[in-house]
Amino acid sequence: MAITGFLGAACDKPAQAATAQLPPPAVDLQADKDAKPGEVHTIVLAGGCFWCIEGVFDQLSGVKSAASGYAGGTKETANYEAVCTGRTSHAEAVKVTYDPSKITYGQLLRVLFTVIDPTTKDRQGPDSGTQYRSAVFYENDDQKKVAEAYIKQLDAAKVFDKPIVTTLEPLKADGFYKAEDYHQNYVACHLRNPYVVQEALPKVDKVREKFKDQVKPAETPAK
């Protein structure tokens, strides 16, 4: 279930206070610029609870899918019970499949840094532990270079009052493991959940405010 089209009616919590708009990336992925029609690319990101991050990216135009999962550890420990211990090397992550003709790798990074605090190590909001670290899991050197360049750009511009500690980590072959089914589309399916209301929906609202032109059009409810 997509989350676009009914968040306003379902959520009574106001959006977070506006902050300065992050600058667009000065460097972007060449593979996105050279993509052919119909081509899709992927990016794996972590920024605290994967419910929140999936909800943020699911609403963006050009995003084909956003799946919650685990990255950074082994297949054997890629399950919620193990990851929650904070001893698996996994981060709660989201794999975003996108159309580069509509949204690019660099633009997706910009959205990530808009909704997270990239200056806190192993913590986002009330969630702490290595599994809640912010990270970009790069698939190749080009992705790494774009992410490195954007972090340096934001630090140089002093967008945040402390240095960015978001990690850049190589994504091993088959290194993203999709989470259990009950975690998928969690925000869309649990709009009244107190955690979703307090932590996820403000991030969703922030993106809808700051990236109005990149949000999927609202769906018309069936009569």
N, C-alpha and C. Protein backbone atom coordinates (compact mmCIF):
# COMPACT_ATOMS: atom_id res chain seq x y z
N MET A 1 0.85 -1.19 0.00
CA MET A 1 0.00 0.00 0.00
C MET A 1 0.88 1.24 0.00
N ALA A 2 0.67 2.15 -0.92
CA ALA A 2 1.43 3.39 -0.94
C ALA A 2 0.91 4.33 0.12
N ILE A 3 1.78 5.18 0.64
CA ILE A 3 1.34 6.07 1.71
C ILE A 3 0.86 7.41 1.17
N THR A 4 1.01 7.66 -0.12
CA THR A 4 0.56 8.93 -0.65
C THR A 4 -0.95 8.98 -0.74
N GLY A 5 -1.47 10.18 -0.53
CA GLY A 5 -2.89 10.38 -0.79
C GLY A 5 -3.77 10.38 0.42
N PHE A 6 -3.31 9.82 1.57
CA PHE A 6 -4.22 9.80 2.70
C PHE A 6 -3.54 10.19 4.01
N LEU A 7 -2.29 10.58 3.97
CA LEU A 7 -1.60 10.93 5.20
C LEU A 7 -2.24 12.13 5.89
N GLY A 8 -2.67 13.11 5.10
CA GLY A 8 -3.25 14.30 5.71
C GLY A 8 -4.49 13.99 6.50
N ALA A 9 -5.32 13.10 6.00
CA ALA A 9 -6.55 12.77 6.69
C ALA A 9 -6.31 11.85 7.87
N ALA A 10 -5.27 11.04 7.78
CA ALA A 10 -5.06 10.03 8.79
C ALA A 10 -4.23 10.50 9.97
N CYS A 11 -3.46 11.56 9.80
CA CYS A 11 -2.53 11.98 10.84
C CYS A 11 -2.87 13.35 11.36
N ASP A 12 -3.03 13.46 12.68
CA ASP A 12 -3.35 14.73 13.29
C ASP A 12 -2.11 15.48 13.76
N LYS A 13 -0.95 14.84 13.68
CA LYS A 13 0.28 15.45 14.18
C LYS A 13 0.82 16.42 13.15
N PRO A 14 1.15 17.66 13.53
CA PRO A 14 1.69 18.62 12.58
C PRO A 14 3.10 18.26 12.16
N ALA A 15 3.52 18.81 11.03
CA ALA A 15 4.88 18.57 10.55
C ALA A 15 5.88 19.21 11.49
N GLN A 16 7.12 18.72 11.45
CA GLN A 16 8.17 19.30 12.23
C GLN A 16 8.44 20.72 11.77
N ALA A 17 9.02 21.53 12.65
CA ALA A 17 9.36 22.90 12.29
C ALA A 17 10.32 22.90 11.11
N ALA A 18 10.12 23.84 10.21
CA ALA A 18 10.95 23.91 9.02
C ALA A 18 12.39 24.26 9.38
N THR A 19 13.33 23.73 8.65
CA THR A 19 14.74 24.07 8.80
C THR A 19 15.27 24.53 7.45
N ALA A 20 16.50 25.00 7.43
CA ALA A 20 17.07 25.48 6.18
C ALA A 20 17.09 24.37 5.13
N GLN A 21 16.82 24.75 3.90
CA GLN A 21 16.82 23.78 2.81
C GLN A 21 18.24 23.33 2.52
N LEU A 22 18.45 22.04 2.44
CA LEU A 22 19.78 21.53 2.11
C LEU A 22 20.09 21.84 0.64
N PRO A 23 21.35 22.15 0.35
CA PRO A 23 21.71 22.42 -1.05
C PRO A 23 21.67 21.15 -1.87
N PRO A 24 21.35 21.25 -3.15
CA PRO A 24 21.41 20.06 -4.01
C PRO A 24 22.86 19.62 -4.16
N PRO A 25 23.09 18.34 -4.41
CA PRO A 25 24.46 17.84 -4.57
C PRO A 25 25.17 18.49 -5.76
N ALA A 26 26.40 18.92 -5.54
CA ALA A 26 27.19 19.48 -6.62
C ALA A 26 27.69 18.39 -7.56
N VAL A 27 27.78 17.17 -7.03
CA VAL A 27 28.24 16.01 -7.81
C VAL A 27 27.15 14.96 -7.77
N ASP A 28 26.81 14.39 -8.91
CA ASP A 28 25.79 13.34 -8.94
C ASP A 28 26.32 12.15 -9.73
N LEU A 29 25.54 11.09 -9.73
CA LEU A 29 25.99 9.83 -10.31
C LEU A 29 25.92 9.88 -11.84
N GLN A 30 27.05 9.66 -12.48
CA GLN A 30 27.09 9.69 -13.94
C GLN A 30 26.21 8.60 -14.54
N ALA A 31 26.14 7.45 -13.88
CA ALA A 31 25.32 6.36 -14.39
C ALA A 31 23.85 6.77 -14.47
N ASP A 32 23.41 7.64 -13.56
CA ASP A 32 22.03 8.12 -13.62
C ASP A 32 21.85 9.05 -14.81
N LYS A 33 22.83 9.88 -15.06
CA LYS A 33 22.74 10.81 -16.19
C LYS A 33 22.72 10.08 -17.53
N ASP A 34 23.41 8.93 -17.57
CA ASP A 34 23.51 8.16 -18.81
C ASP A 34 22.46 7.06 -18.94
N ALA A 35 21.56 6.97 -17.98
CA ALA A 35 20.58 5.88 -17.97
C ALA A 35 19.67 5.93 -19.19
N LYS A 36 19.28 4.75 -19.66
CA LYS A 36 18.37 4.64 -20.79
C LYS A 36 16.93 4.59 -20.30
N PRO A 37 15.97 4.95 -21.14
CA PRO A 37 14.56 4.90 -20.73
C PRO A 37 14.18 3.52 -20.23
N GLY A 38 13.48 3.49 -19.11
CA GLY A 38 13.05 2.23 -18.53
C GLY A 38 14.05 1.60 -17.59
N GLU A 39 15.24 2.17 -17.51
CA GLU A 39 16.28 1.62 -16.64
C GLU A 39 15.98 1.98 -15.19
N VAL A 40 16.28 1.09 -14.26
CA VAL A 40 16.11 1.39 -12.84
C VAL A 40 17.42 1.12 -12.11
N HIS A 41 17.68 1.91 -11.09
CA HIS A 41 18.87 1.76 -10.27
C HIS A 41 18.48 1.61 -8.81
N THR A 42 19.45 1.28 -7.96
CA THR A 42 19.14 1.08 -6.55
C THR A 42 20.12 1.84 -5.66
N ILE A 43 19.66 2.14 -4.47
CA ILE A 43 20.47 2.75 -3.43
C ILE A 43 20.04 2.15 -2.11
N VAL A 44 21.00 1.84 -1.24
CA VAL A 44 20.71 1.27 0.07
C VAL A 44 21.15 2.27 1.14
N LEU A 45 20.21 2.67 1.97
CA LEU A 45 20.44 3.73 2.95
C LEU A 45 19.97 3.30 4.33
N ALA A 46 20.60 3.85 5.35
CA ALA A 46 20.17 3.62 6.73
C ALA A 46 20.11 4.95 7.45
N GLY A 47 19.09 5.11 8.28
CA GLY A 47 18.95 6.36 9.02
C GLY A 47 18.05 6.17 10.22
N GLY A 48 18.39 5.20 11.06
CA GLY A 48 17.53 4.90 12.19
C GLY A 48 16.52 3.83 11.83
N CYS A 49 15.36 3.88 12.43
CA CYS A 49 14.32 2.88 12.20
C CYS A 49 13.96 2.78 10.72
N PHE A 50 13.98 1.56 10.19
CA PHE A 50 13.70 1.42 8.76
C PHE A 50 12.24 1.72 8.41
N TRP A 51 11.32 1.63 9.37
CA TRP A 51 9.94 2.02 9.09
C TRP A 51 9.91 3.47 8.60
N CYS A 52 10.61 4.34 9.32
CA CYS A 52 10.60 5.77 8.99
C CYS A 52 11.20 6.04 7.62
N ILE A 53 12.35 5.43 7.37
CA ILE A 53 13.06 5.71 6.12
C ILE A 53 12.29 5.15 4.92
N GLU A 54 11.72 3.97 5.08
CA GLU A 54 10.90 3.42 3.99
C GLU A 54 9.73 4.33 3.69
N GLY A 55 9.05 4.81 4.74
CA GLY A 55 7.91 5.70 4.55
C GLY A 55 8.27 6.98 3.83
N VAL A 56 9.45 7.52 4.14
CA VAL A 56 9.92 8.74 3.50
C VAL A 56 10.11 8.53 2.00
N PHE A 57 10.83 7.48 1.62
CA PHE A 57 11.18 7.30 0.22
C PHE A 57 10.04 6.72 -0.62
N ASP A 58 9.14 6.01 0.00
CA ASP A 58 8.03 5.41 -0.74
C ASP A 58 7.17 6.46 -1.44
N GLN A 59 7.13 7.66 -0.89
CA GLN A 59 6.23 8.69 -1.42
C GLN A 59 6.84 9.51 -2.56
N LEU A 60 8.10 9.28 -2.90
CA LEU A 60 8.78 10.12 -3.88
C LEU A 60 8.52 9.66 -5.31
N SER A 61 8.26 10.62 -6.16
CA SER A 61 8.09 10.34 -7.58
C SER A 61 9.40 9.80 -8.14
N GLY A 62 9.32 8.75 -8.90
CA GLY A 62 10.52 8.12 -9.44
C GLY A 62 10.96 6.92 -8.63
N VAL A 63 10.48 6.79 -7.41
CA VAL A 63 10.81 5.63 -6.59
C VAL A 63 9.85 4.50 -6.95
N LYS A 64 10.39 3.42 -7.45
CA LYS A 64 9.59 2.26 -7.84
C LYS A 64 9.20 1.42 -6.63
N SER A 65 10.14 1.28 -5.69
CA SER A 65 9.85 0.51 -4.48
C SER A 65 10.85 0.90 -3.41
N ALA A 66 10.43 0.71 -2.16
CA ALA A 66 11.31 0.92 -1.01
C ALA A 66 11.06 -0.25 -0.07
N ALA A 67 12.10 -1.02 0.21
CA ALA A 67 11.96 -2.22 1.02
C ALA A 67 12.81 -2.11 2.28
N SER A 68 12.22 -2.43 3.42
CA SER A 68 12.96 -2.44 4.67
C SER A 68 13.78 -3.72 4.78
N GLY A 69 14.97 -3.60 5.36
CA GLY A 69 15.81 -4.78 5.50
C GLY A 69 17.04 -4.52 6.35
N TYR A 70 18.05 -5.34 6.15
CA TYR A 70 19.26 -5.28 6.96
C TYR A 70 20.48 -5.26 6.05
N ALA A 71 21.48 -4.46 6.42
CA ALA A 71 22.71 -4.37 5.64
C ALA A 71 23.88 -4.17 6.59
N GLY A 72 25.02 -4.73 6.22
CA GLY A 72 26.23 -4.55 7.00
C GLY A 72 26.71 -5.79 7.72
N GLY A 73 25.83 -6.79 7.84
CA GLY A 73 26.19 -8.02 8.54
C GLY A 73 26.04 -9.23 7.64
N THR A 74 25.88 -10.38 8.24
CA THR A 74 25.81 -11.64 7.50
C THR A 74 24.37 -12.10 7.31
N LYS A 75 24.20 -13.02 6.37
CA LYS A 75 22.88 -13.60 6.11
C LYS A 75 22.33 -14.31 7.35
N GLU A 76 23.22 -14.97 8.08
CA GLU A 76 22.81 -15.76 9.24
C GLU A 76 22.19 -14.90 10.34
N THR A 77 22.59 -13.63 10.43
CA THR A 77 22.07 -12.76 11.49
C THR A 77 21.07 -11.73 10.97
N ALA A 78 20.64 -11.90 9.73
CA ALA A 78 19.72 -10.92 9.13
C ALA A 78 18.27 -11.23 9.52
N ASN A 79 17.98 -11.05 10.80
CA ASN A 79 16.61 -11.20 11.29
C ASN A 79 16.42 -10.21 12.42
N TYR A 80 15.18 -9.81 12.65
CA TYR A 80 14.90 -8.72 13.56
C TYR A 80 15.38 -9.00 14.98
N GLU A 81 15.16 -10.21 15.45
CA GLU A 81 15.53 -10.54 16.82
C GLU A 81 17.03 -10.40 17.03
N ALA A 82 17.81 -10.86 16.07
CA ALA A 82 19.27 -10.77 16.19
C ALA A 82 19.75 -9.33 16.03
N VAL A 83 19.22 -8.64 15.04
CA VAL A 83 19.66 -7.27 14.77
C VAL A 83 19.38 -6.35 15.96
N CYS A 84 18.28 -6.59 16.66
CA CYS A 84 17.91 -5.76 17.81
C CYS A 84 18.92 -5.85 18.95
N THR A 85 19.76 -6.86 18.96
CA THR A 85 20.77 -6.97 20.01
C THR A 85 21.87 -5.94 19.83
N GLY A 86 22.01 -5.41 18.60
CA GLY A 86 23.07 -4.46 18.32
C GLY A 86 24.44 -5.10 18.17
N ARG A 87 24.48 -6.41 18.03
CA ARG A 87 25.76 -7.11 17.97
C ARG A 87 25.97 -7.86 16.65
N THR A 88 25.25 -7.49 15.62
CA THR A 88 25.32 -8.24 14.37
C THR A 88 26.08 -7.52 13.25
N SER A 89 26.43 -6.26 13.44
CA SER A 89 27.01 -5.39 12.40
C SER A 89 25.98 -4.89 11.41
N HIS A 90 24.75 -5.40 11.48
CA HIS A 90 23.70 -4.92 10.59
C HIS A 90 23.17 -3.56 11.04
N ALA A 91 22.73 -2.80 10.08
CA ALA A 91 21.93 -1.61 10.32
C ALA A 91 20.55 -1.86 9.74
N GLU A 92 19.53 -1.30 10.37
CA GLU A 92 18.21 -1.31 9.74
C GLU A 92 18.33 -0.39 8.52
N ALA A 93 18.07 -0.93 7.36
CA ALA A 93 18.33 -0.20 6.11
C ALA A 93 17.13 -0.31 5.18
N VAL A 94 17.16 0.50 4.14
CA VAL A 94 16.10 0.49 3.14
C VAL A 94 16.73 0.46 1.75
N LYS A 95 16.26 -0.46 0.93
CA LYS A 95 16.72 -0.53 -0.46
C LYS A 95 15.69 0.18 -1.34
N VAL A 96 16.13 1.24 -1.97
CA VAL A 96 15.26 2.05 -2.82
C VAL A 96 15.57 1.74 -4.28
N THR A 97 14.57 1.33 -5.02
CA THR A 97 14.69 1.11 -6.47
C THR A 97 14.04 2.30 -7.15
N TYR A 98 14.80 2.97 -8.02
CA TYR A 98 14.31 4.24 -8.56
C TYR A 98 14.56 4.38 -10.06
N ASP A 99 13.81 5.29 -10.65
CA ASP A 99 13.93 5.64 -12.06
C ASP A 99 14.83 6.88 -12.15
N PRO A 100 16.07 6.75 -12.63
CA PRO A 100 17.00 7.88 -12.64
C PRO A 100 16.60 9.03 -13.55
N SER A 101 15.62 8.79 -14.44
CA SER A 101 15.14 9.90 -15.28
C SER A 101 14.22 10.83 -14.49
N LYS A 102 13.77 10.37 -13.31
CA LYS A 102 12.85 11.16 -12.49
C LYS A 102 13.48 11.63 -11.18
N ILE A 103 14.38 10.83 -10.64
CA ILE A 103 15.07 11.21 -9.41
C ILE A 103 16.42 10.52 -9.42
N THR A 104 17.45 11.20 -8.92
CA THR A 104 18.80 10.67 -9.02
C THR A 104 19.35 10.23 -7.67
N TYR A 105 20.47 9.55 -7.75
CA TYR A 105 21.19 9.09 -6.55
C TYR A 105 21.47 10.26 -5.61
N GLY A 106 22.00 11.33 -6.18
CA GLY A 106 22.32 12.49 -5.37
C GLY A 106 21.09 13.12 -4.74
N GLN A 107 20.00 13.17 -5.48
CA GLN A 107 18.75 13.74 -4.94
C GLN A 107 18.21 12.88 -3.81
N LEU A 108 18.37 11.58 -3.91
CA LEU A 108 17.92 10.68 -2.84
C LEU A 108 18.78 10.88 -1.58
N LEU A 109 20.07 11.11 -1.76
CA LEU A 109 20.92 11.42 -0.61
C LEU A 109 20.47 12.71 0.05
N ARG A 110 20.11 13.68 -0.75
CA ARG A 110 19.64 14.96 -0.20
C ARG A 110 18.40 14.76 0.67
N VAL A 111 17.49 13.90 0.23
CA VAL A 111 16.29 13.61 1.01
C VAL A 111 16.69 12.94 2.33
N LEU A 112 17.60 11.97 2.26
CA LEU A 112 18.02 11.29 3.48
C LEU A 112 18.55 12.28 4.51
N PHE A 113 19.47 13.15 4.09
CA PHE A 113 20.08 14.08 5.03
C PHE A 113 19.12 15.16 5.49
N THR A 114 18.01 15.31 4.80
CA THR A 114 16.98 16.25 5.24
C THR A 114 16.20 15.70 6.42
N VAL A 115 15.99 14.38 6.47
CA VAL A 115 15.10 13.82 7.49
C VAL A 115 15.83 13.19 8.67
N ILE A 116 17.15 13.00 8.59
CA ILE A 116 17.87 12.41 9.71
C ILE A 116 18.77 13.46 10.35
N ASP A 117 19.31 13.10 11.52
CA ASP A 117 20.39 13.87 12.13
C ASP A 117 21.67 13.10 11.85
N PRO A 118 22.46 13.52 10.86
CA PRO A 118 23.65 12.76 10.49
C PRO A 118 24.84 13.02 11.41
N THR A 119 24.63 13.80 12.48
CA THR A 119 25.73 14.12 13.38
C THR A 119 25.72 13.28 14.65
N THR A 120 24.76 12.38 14.79
CA THR A 120 24.69 11.53 15.99
C THR A 120 25.15 10.12 15.64
N LYS A 121 26.08 9.62 16.40
CA LYS A 121 26.64 8.29 16.13
C LYS A 121 25.77 7.21 16.77
N ASP A 122 25.36 6.25 15.95
CA ASP A 122 24.58 5.10 16.42
C ASP A 122 23.31 5.52 17.15
N ARG A 123 22.67 6.56 16.64
CA ARG A 123 21.42 7.02 17.26
C ARG A 123 20.62 7.86 16.27
N GLN A 124 19.30 7.67 16.30
CA GLN A 124 18.36 8.56 15.65
C GLN A 124 17.16 8.70 16.58
N GLY A 125 16.95 9.90 17.07
CA GLY A 125 15.83 10.12 17.98
C GLY A 125 15.94 9.23 19.20
N PRO A 126 14.86 8.50 19.53
CA PRO A 126 14.88 7.66 20.73
C PRO A 126 15.57 6.31 20.52
N ASP A 127 15.98 6.02 19.29
CA ASP A 127 16.55 4.71 18.98
C ASP A 127 18.07 4.77 19.01
N SER A 128 18.69 3.94 19.83
CA SER A 128 20.15 3.95 19.93
C SER A 128 20.70 2.54 19.77
N GLY A 129 21.94 2.46 19.29
CA GLY A 129 22.59 1.19 19.02
C GLY A 129 23.15 1.21 17.61
N THR A 130 24.12 0.35 17.34
CA THR A 130 24.74 0.36 16.02
C THR A 130 23.75 0.04 14.91
N GLN A 131 22.68 -0.67 15.25
CA GLN A 131 21.67 -1.01 14.23
C GLN A 131 20.89 0.21 13.77
N TYR A 132 21.01 1.32 14.51
CA TYR A 132 20.31 2.55 14.15
C TYR A 132 21.26 3.62 13.62
N ARG A 133 22.47 3.23 13.23
CA ARG A 133 23.40 4.20 12.68
C ARG A 133 22.90 4.71 11.33
N SER A 134 23.34 5.91 10.97
CA SER A 134 23.05 6.39 9.62
C SER A 134 24.20 5.97 8.72
N ALA A 135 23.86 5.47 7.55
CA ALA A 135 24.88 4.92 6.65
C ALA A 135 24.41 4.95 5.21
N VAL A 136 25.38 5.07 4.33
CA VAL A 136 25.15 4.88 2.89
C VAL A 136 25.93 3.63 2.51
N PHE A 137 25.22 2.62 2.04
CA PHE A 137 25.86 1.37 1.61
C PHE A 137 26.06 1.45 0.10
N TYR A 138 27.29 1.73 -0.31
CA TYR A 138 27.55 1.96 -1.73
C TYR A 138 27.81 0.64 -2.46
N GLU A 139 27.31 0.59 -3.70
CA GLU A 139 27.44 -0.62 -4.52
C GLU A 139 28.69 -0.60 -5.38
N ASN A 140 29.26 0.58 -5.57
CA ASN A 140 30.46 0.71 -6.41
C ASN A 140 31.18 2.01 -6.05
N ASP A 141 32.36 2.20 -6.64
CA ASP A 141 33.17 3.38 -6.32
C ASP A 141 32.49 4.68 -6.73
N ASP A 142 31.72 4.66 -7.80
CA ASP A 142 31.05 5.88 -8.24
C ASP A 142 30.02 6.34 -7.21
N GLN A 143 29.24 5.39 -6.68
CA GLN A 143 28.29 5.75 -5.63
C GLN A 143 29.03 6.30 -4.41
N LYS A 144 30.14 5.67 -4.05
CA LYS A 144 30.92 6.13 -2.90
C LYS A 144 31.41 7.56 -3.12
N LYS A 145 31.90 7.86 -4.30
CA LYS A 145 32.43 9.20 -4.58
C LYS A 145 31.34 10.26 -4.48
N VAL A 146 30.15 9.96 -4.96
CA VAL A 146 29.05 10.92 -4.88
C VAL A 146 28.66 11.16 -3.43
N ALA A 147 28.56 10.09 -2.65
CA ALA A 147 28.20 10.23 -1.24
C ALA A 147 29.29 10.99 -0.48
N GLU A 148 30.54 10.67 -0.74
CA GLU A 148 31.65 11.38 -0.09
C GLU A 148 31.61 12.87 -0.43
N ALA A 149 31.38 13.16 -1.69
CA ALA A 149 31.37 14.56 -2.14
C ALA A 149 30.23 15.33 -1.48
N TYR A 150 29.07 14.68 -1.33
CA TYR A 150 27.94 15.40 -0.75
C TYR A 150 28.16 15.65 0.75
N ILE A 151 28.71 14.68 1.44
CA ILE A 151 29.00 14.87 2.86
C ILE A 151 30.01 16.01 3.04
N LYS A 152 31.06 16.04 2.21
CA LYS A 152 32.04 17.12 2.28
C LYS A 152 31.39 18.46 1.96
N GLN A 153 30.48 18.46 0.99
CA GLN A 153 29.78 19.69 0.62
C GLN A 153 28.95 20.22 1.79
N LEU A 154 28.22 19.34 2.45
CA LEU A 154 27.39 19.76 3.58
C LEU A 154 28.24 20.22 4.76
N ASP A 155 29.33 19.51 5.03
CA ASP A 155 30.22 19.91 6.12
C ASP A 155 30.86 21.26 5.83
N ALA A 156 31.30 21.46 4.59
CA ALA A 156 31.95 22.72 4.23
C ALA A 156 30.99 23.90 4.35
N ALA A 157 29.72 23.64 4.04
CA ALA A 157 28.71 24.69 4.12
C ALA A 157 28.19 24.88 5.55
N LYS A 158 28.66 24.03 6.46
CA LYS A 158 28.23 24.08 7.87
C LYS A 158 26.70 24.05 7.99
N VAL A 159 26.12 23.15 7.21
CA VAL A 159 24.67 22.97 7.25
C VAL A 159 24.23 22.48 8.63
N PHE A 160 25.04 21.63 9.23
CA PHE A 160 24.78 21.12 10.57
C PHE A 160 25.80 21.72 11.53
N ASP A 161 25.43 21.83 12.80
CA ASP A 161 26.32 22.47 13.76
C ASP A 161 27.44 21.57 14.25
N LYS A 162 27.42 20.30 13.82
CA LYS A 162 28.48 19.36 14.15
C LYS A 162 28.84 18.58 12.89
N PRO A 163 30.02 17.97 12.84
CA PRO A 163 30.42 17.20 11.66
C PRO A 163 29.50 16.00 11.42
N ILE A 164 29.31 15.66 10.18
CA ILE A 164 28.51 14.49 9.80
C ILE A 164 29.28 13.22 10.13
N VAL A 165 28.61 12.27 10.78
CA VAL A 165 29.25 11.00 11.13
C VAL A 165 28.60 9.82 10.40
N THR A 166 27.73 10.10 9.46
CA THR A 166 27.12 9.04 8.64
C THR A 166 28.24 8.24 7.98
N THR A 167 28.16 6.93 8.09
CA THR A 167 29.22 6.08 7.56
C THR A 167 28.98 5.73 6.09
N LEU A 168 30.07 5.51 5.38
CA LEU A 168 30.01 5.00 4.01
C LEU A 168 30.57 3.59 4.06
N GLU A 169 29.73 2.62 3.73
CA GLU A 169 30.10 1.22 3.88
C GLU A 169 29.84 0.47 2.57
N PRO A 170 30.77 -0.38 2.17
CA PRO A 170 30.56 -1.15 0.94
C PRO A 170 29.42 -2.15 1.12
N LEU A 171 28.57 -2.23 0.11
CA LEU A 171 27.50 -3.21 0.12
C LEU A 171 28.03 -4.48 -0.54
N LYS A 172 28.19 -5.52 0.23
CA LYS A 172 28.70 -6.77 -0.29
C LYS A 172 27.69 -7.39 -1.26
N ALA A 173 28.16 -8.29 -2.09
CA ALA A 173 27.26 -9.01 -3.00
C ALA A 173 26.16 -9.67 -2.19
N ASP A 174 24.92 -9.46 -2.60
CA ASP A 174 23.78 -9.98 -1.86
C ASP A 174 23.80 -9.49 -0.41
N GLY A 175 24.29 -8.26 -0.21
CA GLY A 175 24.48 -7.75 1.13
C GLY A 175 23.29 -7.04 1.73
N PHE A 176 22.18 -6.95 0.99
CA PHE A 176 20.95 -6.41 1.55
C PHE A 176 19.97 -7.57 1.73
N TYR A 177 19.45 -7.69 2.94
CA TYR A 177 18.54 -8.79 3.26
C TYR A 177 17.19 -8.21 3.65
N LYS A 178 16.20 -8.52 2.87
CA LYS A 178 14.87 -7.96 3.12
C LYS A 178 14.34 -8.41 4.48
N ALA A 179 13.74 -7.50 5.20
CA ALA A 179 13.22 -7.79 6.53
C ALA A 179 11.93 -8.62 6.43
N GLU A 180 11.49 -9.07 7.57
CA GLU A 180 10.27 -9.87 7.68
C GLU A 180 9.09 -9.10 7.10
N ASP A 181 8.12 -9.84 6.59
CA ASP A 181 6.99 -9.23 5.89
C ASP A 181 6.26 -8.18 6.73
N TYR A 182 6.16 -8.40 8.04
CA TYR A 182 5.38 -7.47 8.85
C TYR A 182 6.04 -6.10 8.98
N HIS A 183 7.31 -5.98 8.57
CA HIS A 183 7.98 -4.67 8.59
C HIS A 183 7.74 -3.88 7.31
N GLN A 184 7.31 -4.53 6.25
CA GLN A 184 7.15 -3.86 4.96
C GLN A 184 5.90 -2.97 4.98
N ASN A 185 6.04 -1.76 4.41
CA ASN A 185 4.92 -0.79 4.35
C ASN A 185 4.35 -0.52 5.74
N TYR A 186 5.21 -0.54 6.74
CA TYR A 186 4.72 -0.45 8.12
C TYR A 186 4.02 0.88 8.39
N VAL A 187 4.59 1.97 7.92
CA VAL A 187 3.98 3.28 8.17
C VAL A 187 2.60 3.36 7.54
N ALA A 188 2.49 2.94 6.29
CA ALA A 188 1.22 3.00 5.59
C ALA A 188 0.15 2.17 6.26
N CYS A 189 0.55 1.08 6.86
CA CYS A 189 -0.41 0.15 7.46
C CYS A 189 -0.67 0.40 8.93
N HIS A 190 0.09 1.33 9.54
CA HIS A 190 -0.05 1.56 10.99
C HIS A 190 0.00 3.06 11.29
N LEU A 191 -0.82 3.81 10.61
CA LEU A 191 -0.79 5.27 10.74
C LEU A 191 -1.12 5.77 12.14
N ARG A 192 -1.82 4.97 12.94
CA ARG A 192 -2.19 5.38 14.29
C ARG A 192 -1.23 4.86 15.35
N ASN A 193 -0.25 4.07 14.94
CA ASN A 193 0.72 3.56 15.88
C ASN A 193 1.45 4.75 16.53
N PRO A 194 1.56 4.80 17.87
CA PRO A 194 2.19 5.95 18.53
C PRO A 194 3.60 6.25 18.04
N TYR A 195 4.41 5.22 17.80
CA TYR A 195 5.76 5.45 17.31
C TYR A 195 5.72 6.06 15.92
N VAL A 196 4.85 5.55 15.08
CA VAL A 196 4.72 6.08 13.71
C VAL A 196 4.31 7.54 13.75
N VAL A 197 3.33 7.86 14.60
CA VAL A 197 2.84 9.23 14.71
C VAL A 197 3.95 10.16 15.20
N GLN A 198 4.70 9.71 16.18
CA GLN A 198 5.71 10.57 16.79
C GLN A 198 7.00 10.67 15.99
N GLU A 199 7.44 9.56 15.39
CA GLU A 199 8.75 9.53 14.76
C GLU A 199 8.73 9.49 13.23
N ALA A 200 7.81 8.73 12.65
CA ALA A 200 7.84 8.54 11.20
C ALA A 200 7.09 9.63 10.44
N LEU A 201 5.88 9.94 10.88
CA LEU A 201 5.07 10.88 10.11
C LEU A 201 5.67 12.29 10.05
N PRO A 202 6.33 12.78 11.09
CA PRO A 202 6.98 14.09 10.93
C PRO A 202 8.04 14.09 9.82
N LYS A 203 8.75 12.99 9.66
CA LYS A 203 9.73 12.90 8.58
C LYS A 203 9.04 12.87 7.22
N VAL A 204 7.96 12.12 7.14
CA VAL A 204 7.17 12.07 5.90
C VAL A 204 6.65 13.47 5.56
N ASP A 205 6.12 14.15 6.56
CA ASP A 205 5.57 15.50 6.35
C ASP A 205 6.66 16.48 5.92
N LYS A 206 7.85 16.34 6.51
CA LYS A 206 8.95 17.25 6.16
C LYS A 206 9.29 17.12 4.67
N VAL A 207 9.33 15.89 4.17
CA VAL A 207 9.63 15.69 2.76
C VAL A 207 8.52 16.24 1.88
N ARG A 208 7.27 16.05 2.30
CA ARG A 208 6.16 16.57 1.52
C ARG A 208 6.18 18.10 1.48
N GLU A 209 6.74 18.71 2.51
CA GLU A 209 6.85 20.16 2.55
C GLU A 209 8.02 20.67 1.72
N LYS A 210 9.18 20.03 1.87
CA LYS A 210 10.40 20.54 1.27
C LYS A 210 10.66 20.03 -0.15
N PHE A 211 10.00 18.96 -0.53
CA PHE A 211 10.20 18.39 -1.86
C PHE A 211 8.84 18.22 -2.55
N LYS A 212 8.05 19.26 -2.51
CA LYS A 212 6.69 19.20 -3.05
C LYS A 212 6.66 18.72 -4.50
N ASP A 213 7.61 19.16 -5.29
CA ASP A 213 7.62 18.82 -6.71
C ASP A 213 8.10 17.40 -6.97
N GLN A 214 8.60 16.72 -5.94
CA GLN A 214 9.12 15.37 -6.13
C GLN A 214 8.27 14.30 -5.43
N VAL A 215 7.14 14.71 -4.92
CA VAL A 215 6.24 13.76 -4.24
C VAL A 215 5.20 13.25 -5.22
N LYS A 216 4.91 11.97 -5.12
CA LYS A 216 3.91 11.36 -5.99
C LYS A 216 2.57 12.06 -5.82
N PRO A 217 1.80 12.23 -6.88
CA PRO A 217 0.48 12.86 -6.75
C PRO A 217 -0.43 12.07 -5.84
N ALA A 218 -1.29 12.77 -5.13
CA ALA A 218 -2.22 12.12 -4.21
C ALA A 218 -3.16 11.21 -4.97
N GLU A 219 -3.44 10.08 -4.36
CA GLU A 219 -4.38 9.13 -4.95
C GLU A 219 -5.81 9.51 -4.59
N THR A 220 -6.70 9.33 -5.51
CA THR A 220 -8.10 9.61 -5.25
C THR A 220 -8.76 8.39 -4.62
N PRO A 221 -9.30 8.53 -3.39
CA PRO A 221 -9.91 7.36 -2.73
C PRO A 221 -11.02 6.76 -3.57
N ALA A 222 -11.11 5.45 -3.57
CA ALA A 222 -12.16 4.77 -4.31
C ALA A 222 -13.52 5.04 -3.66
N LYS A 223 -14.54 5.24 -4.48
CA LYS A 223 -15.89 5.50 -3.98
C LYS A 223 -16.66 4.19 -3.85
